[in-house]
C-alpha atoms as a PDB file:
ATOM      1  CA  MET A   1     -47.999 123.256 -18.710  1.00  0.00           C
ATOM      2  CA  PHE A   2     -48.174 119.916 -17.410  1.00  0.00           C
ATOM      3  CA  LEU A   3     -45.912 118.543 -14.079  1.00  0.00           C
ATOM      4  CA  TRP A   4     -45.541 114.859 -13.484  1.00  0.00           C
ATOM      5  CA  ASN A   5     -44.719 113.613 -10.280  1.00  0.00           C
ATOM      6  CA  SER A   6     -44.059 109.839 -10.872  1.00  0.00           C
ATOM      7  CA  ALA A   7     -43.169 109.310  -7.398  1.00  0.00           C
ATOM      8  CA  CYS A   8     -47.001 110.432  -6.287  1.00  0.00           C
ATOM      9  CA  GLY A   9     -48.959 110.019  -9.288  1.00  0.00           C
ATOM     10  CA  VAL A  10     -50.272 113.266  -9.519  1.00  0.00           C
ATOM     11  CA  VAL A  11     -50.451 115.639 -12.779  1.00  0.00           C
ATOM     12  CA  CYS A  12     -50.655 119.132 -12.430  1.00  0.00           C
ATOM     13  CA  LEU A  13     -51.606 121.901 -14.789  1.00  0.00           C
ATOM     14  CA  SER A  14     -50.517 125.110 -14.042  1.00  0.00           C
ATOM     15  CA  ALA A  15     -51.780 127.683 -16.913  1.00  0.00           C
ATOM     16  CA  ALA A  16     -54.402 129.565 -14.736  1.00  0.00           C
ATOM     17  CA  PRO A  17     -53.949 131.041 -11.117  1.00  0.00           C
ATOM     18  CA  ALA A  18     -55.577 128.233  -9.723  1.00  0.00           C
ATOM     19  CA  ALA A  19     -53.642 124.592 -10.102  1.00  0.00           C
ATOM     20  CA  ILE A  20     -55.933 121.627 -11.464  1.00  0.00           C
ATOM     21  CA  ALA A  21     -54.793 118.662 -10.226  1.00  0.00           C
ATOM     22  CA  VAL A  22     -55.645 114.779 -10.831  1.00  0.00           C
ATOM     23  CA  SER A  23     -56.600 112.449  -7.395  1.00  0.00           C
ATOM     24  CA  MET A  24     -54.814 109.206  -7.204  1.00  0.00           C
ATOM     25  CA  SER A  25     -58.062 107.869  -9.190  1.00  0.00           C
ATOM     26  CA  GLY A  26     -57.634 110.305 -11.864  1.00  0.00           C
ATOM     27  CA  GLU A  27     -60.459 112.418 -10.895  1.00  0.00           C
ATOM     28  CA  PRO A  28     -59.583 116.534 -11.281  1.00  0.00           C
ATOM     29  CA  TRP A  29     -60.459 119.318  -9.023  1.00  0.00           C
ATOM     30  CA  SER A  30     -59.407 122.556  -8.486  1.00  0.00           C
ATOM     31  CA  PHE A  31     -57.372 124.089  -5.531  1.00  0.00           C
ATOM     32  CA  ALA A  32     -57.988 127.906  -5.605  1.00  0.00           C
ATOM     33  CA  ALA A  33     -57.737 128.778  -1.630  1.00  0.00           C
ATOM     34  CA  SER A  34     -57.478 125.846  -0.443  1.00  0.00           C
ATOM     35  CA  VAL A  35     -55.751 124.630   3.007  1.00  0.00           C
ATOM     36  CA  ASN A  36     -53.053 121.580   2.921  1.00  0.00           C
ATOM     37  CA  ILE A  37     -54.541 119.198   5.039  1.00  0.00           C
ATOM     38  CA  TYR A  38     -52.607 115.639   6.047  1.00  0.00           C
ATOM     39  CA  PHE A  39     -54.303 113.165   7.803  1.00  0.00           C
ATOM     40  CA  ASP A  40     -51.767 110.585   9.712  1.00  0.00           C
ATOM     41  CA  LEU A  41     -53.212 107.006   8.638  1.00  0.00           C
ATOM     42  CA  ASP A  42     -52.416 104.635  11.849  1.00  0.00           C
ATOM     43  CA  TYR A  43     -54.770 105.105  15.047  1.00  0.00           C
ATOM     44  CA  THR A  44     -56.078 108.295  13.021  1.00  0.00           C
ATOM     45  CA  LEU A  45     -58.002 107.049   9.892  1.00  0.00           C
ATOM     46  CA  ILE A  46     -57.651 103.435  10.928  1.00  0.00           C
ATOM     47  CA  ALA A  47     -57.467 101.161  13.820  1.00  0.00           C
ATOM     48  CA  TYR A  48     -54.822  98.514  14.846  1.00  0.00           C
ATOM     49  CA  THR A  49     -57.109  95.800  12.756  1.00  0.00           C
ATOM     50  CA  GLY A  50     -56.753  98.127   9.823  1.00  0.00           C
ATOM     51  CA  GLU A  51     -60.758  99.154   9.650  1.00  0.00           C
ATOM     52  CA  LEU A  52     -61.442 102.492   9.003  1.00  0.00           C
ATOM     53  CA  ARG A  53     -62.555 105.088  11.463  1.00  0.00           C
ATOM     54  CA  PRO A  54     -66.213 106.008  11.589  1.00  0.00           C
ATOM     55  CA  LEU A  55     -66.803 109.052   9.866  1.00  0.00           C
ATOM     56  CA  ALA A  56     -63.284 108.975   7.913  1.00  0.00           C
ATOM     57  CA  ARG A  57     -64.648 109.215   4.219  1.00  0.00           C
ATOM     58  CA  GLU A  58     -67.413 111.387   5.353  1.00  0.00           C
ATOM     59  CA  THR A  59     -65.018 114.016   6.847  1.00  0.00           C
ATOM     60  CA  LEU A  60     -62.360 113.803   3.689  1.00  0.00           C
ATOM     61  CA  GLU A  61     -65.550 114.400   1.428  1.00  0.00           C
ATOM     62  CA  ARG A  62     -67.037 117.535   3.328  1.00  0.00           C
ATOM     63  CA  LEU A  63     -63.177 118.968   3.638  1.00  0.00           C
ATOM     64  CA  ARG A  64     -62.388 118.177  -0.246  1.00  0.00           C
ATOM     65  CA  ALA A  65     -66.217 119.744  -0.915  1.00  0.00           C
ATOM     66  CA  ASP A  66     -64.835 122.893   1.188  1.00  0.00           C
ATOM     67  CA  GLY A  67     -62.049 123.198  -1.461  1.00  0.00           C
ATOM     68  CA  HIS A  68     -59.116 121.815   0.591  1.00  0.00           C
ATOM     69  CA  SER A  69     -56.188 119.722  -0.478  1.00  0.00           C
ATOM     70  CA  LEU A  70     -56.168 116.450   1.332  1.00  0.00           C
ATOM     71  CA  PHE A  71     -52.823 114.389   2.000  1.00  0.00           C
ATOM     72  CA  ILE A  72     -52.518 110.950   3.790  1.00  0.00           C
ATOM     73  CA  TRP A  73     -49.116 110.377   5.151  1.00  0.00           C
ATOM     74  CA  SER A  74     -47.705 107.591   7.696  1.00  0.00           C
ATOM     75  CA  GLY A  75     -44.312 107.384   9.652  1.00  0.00           C
ATOM     76  CA  VAL A  76     -44.338 103.988   8.573  1.00  0.00           C
ATOM     77  CA  GLY A  77     -43.881 104.677   4.868  1.00  0.00           C
ATOM     78  CA  VAL A  78     -46.259 105.033   1.526  1.00  0.00           C
ATOM     79  CA  ARG A  79     -49.064 103.183   1.759  1.00  0.00           C
ATOM     80  CA  LYS A  80     -50.709 103.825  -1.481  1.00  0.00           C
ATOM     81  CA  GLU A  81     -52.383 100.373  -1.847  1.00  0.00           C
ATOM     82  CA  GLU A  82     -53.874 100.457   1.665  1.00  0.00           C
ATOM     83  CA  VAL A  83     -55.308 104.000   0.596  1.00  0.00           C
ATOM     84  CA  ARG A  84     -56.966 102.416  -2.412  1.00  0.00           C
ATOM     85  CA  ARG A  85     -58.081  99.571  -0.324  1.00  0.00           C
ATOM     86  CA  LEU A  86     -59.822 101.700   1.915  1.00  0.00           C
ATOM     87  CA  GLY A  87     -61.811 103.853  -0.803  1.00  0.00           C
ATOM     88  CA  LEU A  88     -60.130 106.888   0.249  1.00  0.00           C
ATOM     89  CA  ALA A  89     -57.771 107.693  -2.686  1.00  0.00           C
ATOM     90  CA  ASP A  90     -60.291 109.484  -4.906  1.00  0.00           C
ATOM     91  CA  LEU A  91     -60.472 111.996  -2.173  1.00  0.00           C
ATOM     92  CA  VAL A  92     -56.669 112.708  -1.702  1.00  0.00           C
ATOM     93  CA  VAL A  93     -53.707 114.658  -3.676  1.00  0.00           C
ATOM     94  CA  ASP A  94     -51.316 112.149  -2.450  1.00  0.00           C
ATOM     95  CA  VAL A  95     -50.032 109.478  -0.020  1.00  0.00           C
ATOM     96  CA  LEU A  96     -46.739 110.250   1.502  1.00  0.00           C
ATOM     97  CA  GLU A  97     -44.358 109.145   4.307  1.00  0.00           C
ATOM     98  CA  LYS A  98     -44.724 111.291   7.237  1.00  0.00           C
ATOM     99  CA  PRO A  99     -41.572 112.893   9.052  1.00  0.00           C
ATOM    100  CA  THR A 100     -41.475 111.269  12.827  1.00  0.00           C
ATOM    101  CA  GLU A 101     -38.657 113.973  13.517  1.00  0.00           C
ATOM    102  CA  ARG A 102     -37.116 117.354  12.440  1.00  0.00           C
ATOM    103  CA  PHE A 103     -40.401 117.398  10.605  1.00  0.00           C
ATOM    104  CA  GLU A 104     -39.824 120.676   8.340  1.00  0.00           C
ATOM    105  CA  GLU A 105     -36.068 119.728   7.251  1.00  0.00           C
ATOM    106  CA  ARG A 106     -37.468 116.237   6.177  1.00  0.00           C
ATOM    107  CA  LEU A 107     -40.437 116.943   4.175  1.00  0.00           C
ATOM    108  CA  LEU A 108     -38.648 117.062   0.973  1.00  0.00           C
ATOM    109  CA  GLU A 109     -36.881 113.882   1.783  1.00  0.00           C
ATOM    110  CA  PHE A 110     -40.213 112.407   1.740  1.00  0.00           C
ATOM    111  CA  GLY A 111     -41.599 113.804  -1.219  1.00  0.00           C
ATOM    112  CA  VAL A 112     -43.828 116.280   0.386  1.00  0.00           C
ATOM    113  CA  VAL A 113     -43.825 119.317  -1.784  1.00  0.00           C
ATOM    114  CA  GLU A 114     -46.808 121.100  -0.403  1.00  0.00           C
ATOM    115  CA  THR A 115     -46.220 122.402   3.198  1.00  0.00           C
ATOM    116  CA  PRO A 116     -48.895 121.135   5.345  1.00  0.00           C
ATOM    117  CA  ASP A 117     -51.007 124.133   6.858  1.00  0.00           C
ATOM    118  CA  ALA A 118     -52.743 121.710   9.120  1.00  0.00           C
ATOM    119  CA  VAL A 119     -52.227 118.105  10.373  1.00  0.00           C
ATOM    120  CA  VAL A 120     -54.910 115.656  11.608  1.00  0.00           C
ATOM    121  CA  ASP A 121     -52.689 113.125  14.445  1.00  0.00           C
ATOM    122  CA  ASP A 122     -52.792 111.351  17.379  1.00  0.00           C
ATOM    123  CA  HIS A 123     -49.493 112.343  18.089  1.00  0.00           C
ATOM    124  CA  PRO A 124     -48.787 115.817  19.741  1.00  0.00           C
ATOM    125  CA  GLU A 125     -45.710 116.706  18.800  1.00  0.00           C
ATOM    126  CA  ILE A 126     -46.351 117.043  14.724  1.00  0.00           C
ATOM    127  CA  VAL A 127     -49.647 118.853  15.425  1.00  0.00           C
ATOM    128  CA  GLN A 128     -47.634 121.164  17.846  1.00  0.00           C
ATOM    129  CA  HIS A 129     -45.212 121.798  14.894  1.00  0.00           C
ATOM    130  CA  PHE A 130     -47.484 122.376  11.993  1.00  0.00           C
ATOM    131  CA  GLY A 131     -50.638 123.183  13.628  1.00  0.00           C
ATOM    132  CA  GLY A 132     -53.939 121.353  13.294  1.00  0.00           C
ATOM    133  CA  VAL A 133     -55.665 118.789  15.318  1.00  0.00           C
ATOM    134  CA  LYS A 134     -54.837 116.218  17.970  1.00  0.00           C
ATOM    135  CA  ILE A 135     -57.472 113.462  18.184  1.00  0.00           C
ATOM    136  CA  ARG A 136     -57.545 110.631  20.492  1.00  0.00           C
ATOM    137  CA  PRO A 137     -55.790 107.488  18.955  1.00  0.00           C
ATOM    138  CA  TYR A 138     -58.180 104.972  17.485  1.00  0.00           C
ATOM    139  CA  PHE A 139     -56.936 101.612  18.488  1.00  0.00           C
ATOM    140  CA  TRP A 140     -59.769  99.511  18.090  1.00  0.00           C
ATOM    141  CA  PRO A 141     -62.798  99.508  16.160  1.00  0.00           C
ATOM    142  CA  ASN A 142     -65.688 101.549  17.992  1.00  0.00           C
ATOM    143  CA  ALA A 143     -68.749 102.631  16.094  1.00  0.00           C
ATOM    144  CA  ALA A 144     -69.669 105.267  18.258  1.00  0.00           C
ATOM    145  CA  ASP A 145     -66.460 107.166  17.667  1.00  0.00           C
ATOM    146  CA  ARG A 146     -67.140 110.808  16.519  1.00  0.00           C
ATOM    147  CA  GLU A 147     -63.408 112.570  16.550  1.00  0.00           C
ATOM    148  CA  LEU A 148     -63.678 112.997  13.381  1.00  0.00           C
ATOM    149  CA  ASN A 149     -66.410 115.393  13.647  1.00  0.00           C
ATOM    150  CA  LYS A 150     -64.775 117.189  16.060  1.00  0.00           C
ATOM    151  CA  ALA A 151     -61.589 117.710  13.637  1.00  0.00           C
ATOM    152  CA  TYR A 152     -63.795 118.961  11.117  1.00  0.00           C
ATOM    153  CA  ASP A 153     -64.675 121.578  13.108  1.00  0.00           C
ATOM    154  CA  GLU A 154     -61.564 122.567  14.215  1.00  0.00           C
ATOM    155  CA  LEU A 155     -60.170 122.135  10.600  1.00  0.00           C
ATOM    156  CA  THR A 156     -63.013 124.739   9.603  1.00  0.00           C
ATOM    157  CA  LEU A 157     -61.998 127.277  12.138  1.00  0.00           C
ATOM    158  CA  ILE A 158     -58.069 126.808  10.972  1.00  0.00           C
ATOM    159  CA  ALA A 159     -59.177 127.512   7.324  1.00  0.00           C
ATOM    160  CA  GLN A 160     -61.054 130.338   8.193  1.00  0.00           C
ATOM    161  CA  GLY A 161     -58.095 131.676  10.387  1.00  0.00           C
ATOM    162  CA  LEU A 162     -55.685 131.016   7.456  1.00  0.00           C
ATOM    163  CA  GLU A 163     -57.867 132.847   5.073  1.00  0.00           C
ATOM    164  CA  GLU A 164     -57.760 135.716   7.627  1.00  0.00           C
ATOM    165  CA  GLY A 165     -53.937 135.677   8.253  1.00  0.00           C
ATOM    166  CA  SER A 166     -53.949 134.021  11.103  1.00  0.00           C
ATOM    167  CA  ARG A 167     -54.300 130.721  13.280  1.00  0.00           C
ATOM    168  CA  PRO A 168     -56.627 130.236  15.732  1.00  0.00           C
ATOM    169  CA  SER A 169     -55.889 129.498  19.166  1.00  0.00           C
ATOM    170  CA  GLY A 170     -56.562 126.610  20.812  1.00  0.00           C
ATOM    171  CA  GLN A 171     -55.839 124.211  18.145  1.00  0.00           C
ATOM    172  CA  GLY A 172     -55.419 120.719  18.957  1.00  0.00           C
ATOM    173  CA  GLU A 173     -56.575 119.046  22.125  1.00  0.00           C
END
């Protein structure tokens, strides 16, 4: 069976226990036993200038290689063209608008059909709500920034905890 979501540009095939999806760039991959990870865009993946944070692509590549489903969202709105310009479209399932309040109840309003298992954000409130990693805001380009290495390590622990049926303590910060 084919499921097309024209709002997000994703085709899902569900004929087997594991769904197969097509990324924004048209590349297929499987999501069996994956964790849904949502990355904020502004000041998490990009600076005020629009420049990509160091290790952003590498971190997303590693998480995808680990089998996780990656999403990018923004409280400013849906920013697919910007994600394409940054060269990240092939790594994410979708680009969505992020709820900035009443997080859970506004997910469907913004087209979020896969509930976040973890978020990576510079705002603590949404991280506290869904679980995930709160990282320092990336306001200005800084080639020495390694915050996403920390995020990868913490997300790996979260994914292991979810596989075992619990979240590890001490997420974020």
